[in-house]
Amino acid sequence: MLVEMKQKSQVTIPSELVKKLKLKPGDKLEIEEKDGCIIITPVAIIPRDQMWFCSKEWQADELEVEQQIREGRVKTAEFGSKIACI
């Protein structure tokens, strides 16, 4: 798609791409140059206090738990008014 650079180095992302990538005002985009090309990549900013959730180890554990749930290997037990997964 051909777009024109405006004043102050601004370009408009074509609406078809905005819809396809589900971009919204305020989304963050990383811009880099590689071999003479401009690459624009949507990114999600994760607060530092939630970075642990994105670690490879945590995600691997999440996949394991999801597999256990699918296989019916997770049970619940009631302790008074509280429920715990075991």
Protein backbone atom coordinates (compact mmCIF):
# COMPACT_ATOMS: atom_id res chain seq x y z
CA MET A 1 0.00 0.00 0.00
CA LEU A 2 1.27 3.39 -0.89
CA VAL A 3 0.95 6.18 1.70
CA GLU A 4 2.26 9.73 1.70
CA MET A 5 4.46 11.22 4.40
CA LYS A 6 2.89 14.39 5.81
CA GLN A 7 4.41 17.30 7.66
CA LYS A 8 6.22 16.42 10.88
CA SER A 9 7.06 12.98 9.38
CA GLN A 10 3.51 11.66 9.90
CA VAL A 11 1.99 8.79 7.92
CA THR A 12 -1.51 7.31 8.08
CA ILE A 13 -1.90 3.57 8.48
CA PRO A 14 -4.49 2.39 5.94
CA SER A 15 -7.84 1.52 7.55
CA GLU A 16 -7.73 -2.04 6.17
CA LEU A 17 -4.56 -2.69 8.18
CA VAL A 18 -5.95 -0.96 11.26
CA LYS A 19 -8.98 -3.27 11.16
CA LYS A 20 -6.98 -6.39 10.32
CA LEU A 21 -4.51 -5.79 13.18
CA LYS A 22 -7.27 -4.54 15.54
CA LEU A 23 -5.35 -1.33 16.26
CA LYS A 24 -6.91 1.34 18.44
CA PRO A 25 -5.98 4.93 19.31
CA GLY A 26 -3.35 4.86 22.03
CA ASP A 27 -1.83 1.53 20.96
CA LYS A 28 1.96 1.45 21.01
CA LEU A 29 3.91 0.74 17.82
CA GLU A 30 7.59 -0.12 17.62
CA ILE A 31 9.35 1.39 14.60
CA GLU A 32 12.69 0.07 13.42
CA GLU A 33 14.84 0.24 10.30
CA LYS A 34 16.20 -2.92 8.76
CA ASP A 35 18.07 -3.08 5.46
CA GLY A 36 16.60 0.24 4.31
CA CYS A 37 13.02 -0.73 5.23
CA ILE A 38 10.82 0.70 7.97
CA ILE A 39 9.19 -2.00 10.09
CA ILE A 40 6.23 -1.06 12.29
CA THR A 41 5.17 -3.64 14.89
CA PRO A 42 2.27 -3.33 17.37
CA VAL A 43 3.46 -3.99 20.92
CA ALA A 44 1.85 -4.49 24.31
CA ILE A 45 3.37 -2.72 27.28
CA ILE A 46 3.43 -4.90 30.39
CA PRO A 47 3.79 -3.30 33.84
CA ARG A 48 6.96 -4.42 35.64
CA ASP A 49 4.99 -5.92 38.51
CA GLN A 50 3.28 -8.29 36.04
CA MET A 51 6.35 -9.36 34.03
CA TRP A 52 6.58 -12.67 35.92
CA PHE A 53 3.47 -13.84 34.08
CA CYS A 54 5.28 -13.55 30.72
CA SER A 55 8.29 -15.63 31.73
CA LYS A 56 8.89 -18.84 29.78
CA GLU A 57 8.77 -20.84 33.00
CA TRP A 58 5.39 -19.44 34.07
CA GLN A 59 3.88 -19.92 30.61
CA ALA A 60 5.14 -23.53 30.52
CA ASP A 61 3.48 -24.15 33.89
CA GLU A 62 0.26 -22.56 32.60
CA LEU A 63 0.25 -24.92 29.60
CA GLU A 64 0.78 -27.89 31.92
CA VAL A 65 -2.15 -26.87 34.13
CA GLU A 66 -4.40 -26.35 31.10
CA GLN A 67 -3.48 -29.86 29.91
CA GLN A 68 -4.30 -31.28 33.35
CA ILE A 69 -7.69 -29.53 33.30
CA ARG A 70 -8.47 -30.91 29.82
CA GLU A 71 -7.56 -34.40 31.00
CA GLY A 72 -9.74 -34.08 34.10
CA ARG A 73 -6.79 -34.37 36.49
CA VAL A 74 -7.82 -31.32 38.55
CA LYS A 75 -10.29 -31.77 41.40
CA THR A 76 -11.93 -29.31 43.77
CA ALA A 77 -12.43 -29.69 47.49
CA GLU A 78 -14.57 -27.59 49.83
CA PHE A 79 -13.11 -26.29 53.08
CA GLY A 80 -15.91 -24.52 54.90
CA SER A 81 -16.87 -21.61 52.66
CA LYS A 82 -13.65 -21.84 50.60
CA ILE A 83 -12.98 -23.98 47.55
CA ALA A 84 -9.48 -25.16 46.68
CA CYS A 85 -8.16 -26.88 43.58
CA ILE A 86 -6.01 -29.92 44.25
